[in-house]
Each structure stands twice: as C-alpha cells, then as structure tokens.
Amino acid sequence: MLTLLLPGHGYTATMPLLDYLREATTRRGADVMPVTWPDGFTPERVPAHVAAILDGLAEPPLVIAKSLGTFSAGVVAERGLTAVWLTPVLTDAAVVAGIRANPAPALLVGGTADRFWDGELARSLSPHVLEVDGADHSMLVPGPMARSAAVLGQVCTAVEEFLDGH
C-alpha cells in the first residue's frame, strides 16, 4: 500500500495535518511518498506533475492532498484513486469537476471560515465530509490553540475512519 502526500502552497508534508496523516497511513502499513513542489509552482502545473509521479509508481496510491495539491483532482479521477481532499479549492471549477468525476471514494475536509470551502457543494460531491465550524484554510480556529489542536484530532479521526471503511 502506498500513500501519496500532495502538500499545499507553503503547507509542506511536514506540517501538522499532513504529518499526522502520514503517521495514520504508516500505522496501517502504507509506505508514504511526500511530494515537494518546485519553487514558483502554480496550480496549472499540478496535474501534469502529479501524472508524471503516478506514471512512475508500481501501484496505485491513496492520495492525500492539501489545497494546491487538490488541483490534481482531474488526474486522480482519471485513474480512479481513493482520495482525501484537505481544504480543497472548491472555488475552482476544474478541482470540483475532478472530485465529482472520480468513481472512487473521497473524503473532503474543510472549515466554514475558509474562503475556498463550500460545505453544501462538498456534501454534493461526496457522502464523506468533515466540515469544521470556524476553521480557516489551515484548519485553525479562533481562541486558545487547544481548540485548533482538537480540530487536528477531529481531522485525524475522520481520516482514520474513512481509511478503515475503504
């Protein structure tokens, strides 16, 4: 089993959401392949970059993508890969079309204070949605940091339950 971690712009695979999910998949026996975007990388370049990575893999991976990484949704759909979309850019038509077209299960995670999130749209794309009230694009919430740490726990639990069910 292989997990492909696709980070966001400025949100690397070593940051909390992706690092904890790396550990969650490792505990389930997966090898993990974190991706690092080249400097100056743009959303338009994501699909071809991810397609080249997928072409070089011996097995189809689970895809876990954050923000910029969600621009791979079309390529992921073409290959029918199970995916976890963390703070997907639901304001982009190509991202939405890719998620919608994928026959494989997908979990969408976002917060109501994220300008790229649309909870109603997310729920129309998948029955597997975690929407966190007040969470921003980094899945942080106002107030004491313990509240944001609790959100990290919610995300981990939702992902683990999704993985265990698929």
Protein backbone atom coordinates (compact mmCIF):
# COMPACT_ATOMS: atom_id res chain seq x y z
CA MET A 1 0.00 0.00 0.00
CA LEU A 2 1.25 3.47 -0.88
CA THR A 3 0.13 6.95 0.15
CA LEU A 4 0.97 9.98 -1.97
CA LEU A 5 1.04 13.21 0.06
CA LEU A 6 0.45 16.33 -2.03
CA PRO A 7 1.06 19.50 0.00
CA GLY A 8 -0.37 22.95 -0.28
CA HIS A 9 1.39 26.12 -1.31
CA GLY A 10 3.54 26.85 1.73
CA TYR A 11 1.95 23.97 3.64
CA THR A 12 4.50 21.18 3.39
CA ALA A 13 4.12 17.48 4.10
CA THR A 14 5.88 18.00 7.45
CA MET A 15 3.22 20.39 8.76
CA PRO A 16 0.63 19.05 11.24
CA LEU A 17 -2.29 17.94 9.05
CA LEU A 18 -0.15 16.08 6.54
CA ASP A 19 2.40 14.80 9.06
CA TYR A 20 -0.28 13.28 11.29
CA LEU A 21 -2.00 11.72 8.29
CA ARG A 22 1.36 10.34 7.13
CA GLU A 23 1.59 8.64 10.52
CA ALA A 24 -2.01 7.39 10.29
CA THR A 25 -1.36 5.68 6.97
CA THR A 26 2.03 4.36 8.10
CA ARG A 27 0.33 2.73 11.08
CA ARG A 28 -1.93 0.98 8.57
CA GLY A 29 1.07 -0.46 6.75
CA ALA A 30 1.44 2.10 3.98
CA ASP A 31 4.63 3.41 2.51
CA VAL A 32 4.37 7.18 2.18
CA MET A 33 5.67 9.32 -0.66
CA PRO A 34 5.62 13.03 0.21
CA VAL A 35 5.83 15.44 -2.71
CA THR A 36 7.64 18.77 -2.62
CA TRP A 37 6.57 21.37 -5.16
CA PRO A 38 9.33 23.21 -7.06
CA ASP A 39 9.77 26.93 -6.30
CA GLY A 40 7.22 29.11 -8.05
CA PHE A 41 4.90 26.18 -8.67
CA THR A 42 1.42 27.11 -9.94
CA PRO A 43 -1.93 25.30 -9.86
CA GLU A 44 -1.86 24.88 -13.64
CA ARG A 45 1.27 22.74 -13.36
CA VAL A 46 -0.07 20.37 -10.70
CA PRO A 47 -1.95 17.90 -12.96
CA ALA A 48 1.00 17.15 -15.27
CA HIS A 49 3.42 16.97 -12.34
CA VAL A 50 1.21 14.52 -10.45
CA ALA A 51 0.51 12.48 -13.59
CA ALA A 52 4.26 12.04 -14.09
CA ILE A 53 4.64 10.87 -10.49
CA LEU A 54 1.73 8.43 -10.85
CA ASP A 55 3.17 7.07 -14.10
CA GLY A 56 6.32 6.11 -12.22
CA LEU A 57 4.59 4.19 -9.44
CA ALA A 58 4.32 0.41 -9.33
CA GLU A 59 0.95 0.53 -7.58
CA PRO A 60 -1.97 2.93 -7.38
CA PRO A 61 -1.71 5.07 -4.23
CA LEU A 62 -4.12 6.58 -1.80
CA VAL A 63 -3.92 10.32 -2.47
CA ILE A 64 -3.95 12.79 0.41
CA ALA A 65 -3.86 16.35 -0.92
CA LYS A 66 -3.99 19.77 0.73
CA SER A 67 -5.09 22.94 -1.08
CA LEU A 68 -2.65 23.31 -4.02
CA GLY A 69 -2.44 19.53 -4.20
CA THR A 70 -6.19 19.35 -4.84
CA PHE A 71 -5.57 20.72 -8.33
CA SER A 72 -4.64 17.08 -9.09
CA ALA A 73 -8.30 16.05 -8.77
CA GLY A 74 -8.77 15.51 -12.51
CA VAL A 75 -5.74 13.22 -12.81
CA VAL A 76 -6.78 11.37 -9.66
CA ALA A 77 -10.27 10.90 -11.14
CA GLU A 78 -8.91 9.62 -14.46
CA ARG A 79 -7.12 6.89 -12.52
CA GLY A 80 -9.99 6.22 -10.11
CA LEU A 81 -7.88 6.71 -6.98
CA THR A 82 -9.27 6.97 -3.48
CA ALA A 83 -8.53 10.42 -2.10
CA VAL A 84 -8.59 12.61 0.97
CA TRP A 85 -9.01 16.25 -0.02
CA LEU A 86 -7.88 18.59 2.76
CA THR A 87 -9.19 22.14 2.30
CA PRO A 88 -9.91 21.55 -1.40
CA VAL A 89 -10.13 24.64 -3.58
CA LEU A 90 -13.84 24.34 -4.26
CA THR A 91 -13.89 27.77 -5.90
CA ASP A 92 -12.02 26.26 -8.88
CA ALA A 93 -14.21 24.56 -11.50
CA ALA A 94 -11.52 22.04 -12.52
CA VAL A 95 -10.99 20.90 -8.93
CA VAL A 96 -14.74 20.46 -8.43
CA ALA A 97 -15.13 18.64 -11.77
CA GLY A 98 -12.27 16.29 -10.91
CA ILE A 99 -13.67 15.42 -7.50
CA ARG A 100 -17.14 14.95 -8.98
CA ALA A 101 -15.87 12.70 -11.80
CA ASN A 102 -13.94 10.32 -9.56
CA PRO A 103 -15.69 6.96 -9.14
CA ALA A 104 -13.51 6.13 -6.11
CA PRO A 105 -14.38 7.16 -2.55
CA ALA A 106 -13.28 10.59 -1.38
CA LEU A 107 -13.23 12.40 1.95
CA LEU A 108 -13.44 16.18 1.84
CA VAL A 109 -12.27 18.22 4.84
CA GLY A 110 -12.76 21.95 5.25
CA GLY A 111 -13.79 24.77 7.53
CA THR A 112 -16.54 27.34 7.41
CA ALA A 113 -14.03 30.23 7.67
CA ASP A 114 -12.09 29.06 4.59
CA ARG A 115 -12.84 31.22 1.56
CA PHE A 116 -12.13 28.25 -0.74
CA TRP A 117 -14.61 25.94 1.03
CA ASP A 118 -18.30 25.43 0.26
CA GLY A 119 -19.88 22.93 2.61
CA GLU A 120 -23.04 22.46 0.56
CA LEU A 121 -21.01 21.82 -2.58
CA ALA A 122 -18.70 19.44 -0.69
CA ARG A 123 -21.66 17.39 0.51
CA SER A 124 -22.93 17.18 -3.08
CA LEU A 125 -19.57 15.74 -4.18
CA SER A 126 -19.17 13.02 -1.55
CA PRO A 127 -21.04 11.46 1.35
CA HIS A 128 -17.76 11.65 3.29
CA VAL A 129 -17.33 15.24 4.50
CA LEU A 130 -15.86 16.78 7.63
CA GLU A 131 -16.80 20.44 7.98
CA VAL A 132 -15.39 22.27 11.00
CA ASP A 133 -17.22 25.36 12.19
CA GLY A 134 -14.91 28.39 12.26
CA ALA A 135 -11.85 26.62 10.79
CA ASP A 136 -9.79 28.55 8.27
CA HIS A 137 -7.75 27.27 5.31
CA SER A 138 -5.10 25.88 7.69
CA MET A 139 -7.86 24.24 9.77
CA LEU A 140 -7.11 26.59 12.67
CA VAL A 141 -9.94 28.02 14.74
CA PRO A 142 -10.08 31.21 16.83
CA GLY A 143 -9.34 31.14 20.54
CA PRO A 144 -6.90 29.05 22.54
CA MET A 145 -4.60 26.82 20.47
CA ALA A 146 -6.02 23.80 22.28
CA ARG A 147 -9.15 24.27 20.15
CA SER A 148 -7.09 24.05 16.95
CA ALA A 149 -5.28 21.00 18.32
CA ALA A 150 -8.69 19.43 18.92
CA VAL A 151 -9.59 20.15 15.28
CA LEU A 152 -6.41 18.33 14.22
CA GLY A 153 -7.67 15.38 16.26
CA GLN A 154 -11.08 15.58 14.55
CA VAL A 155 -9.44 15.53 11.13
CA CYS A 156 -7.25 12.56 12.08
CA THR A 157 -10.24 10.63 13.40
CA ALA A 158 -12.30 11.35 10.27
CA VAL A 159 -9.44 10.24 8.02
CA GLU A 160 -8.75 7.09 10.05
CA GLU A 161 -12.45 6.15 9.98
CA PHE A 162 -12.56 6.81 6.22
CA LEU A 163 -9.45 4.68 5.63
CA ASP A 164 -10.76 1.87 7.80
CA GLY A 165 -14.01 1.88 5.80
CA HIS A 166 -12.34 1.89 2.39
